[in-house]
């Protein structure tokens, strides 16, 4: 990324940020955590994720989805009498 897409400033700081997200699946919501690279404009504060972030997020989802598939389903705390 060479300049800010909002104000055209060329001073962008590169930061590593922690991101948590949930994605719906056939096994319910899958919670994922990733570290992504973000470019932050020094002038306006606009944040833009680095190219390839979608691949990092997709890989995190697949990993957590597979982990969820291996775990036994939790039983409901409420009993019907």
Foldseek 3Di string as FASTA:
>chain_A
DQADPPPRHRDWDKDWDKDWDWDQDPLGIFIFIDIFIWIADPPPGDIDTDPPVVVRVVVRRVVRVVVSVPDDDDDDPDDDD
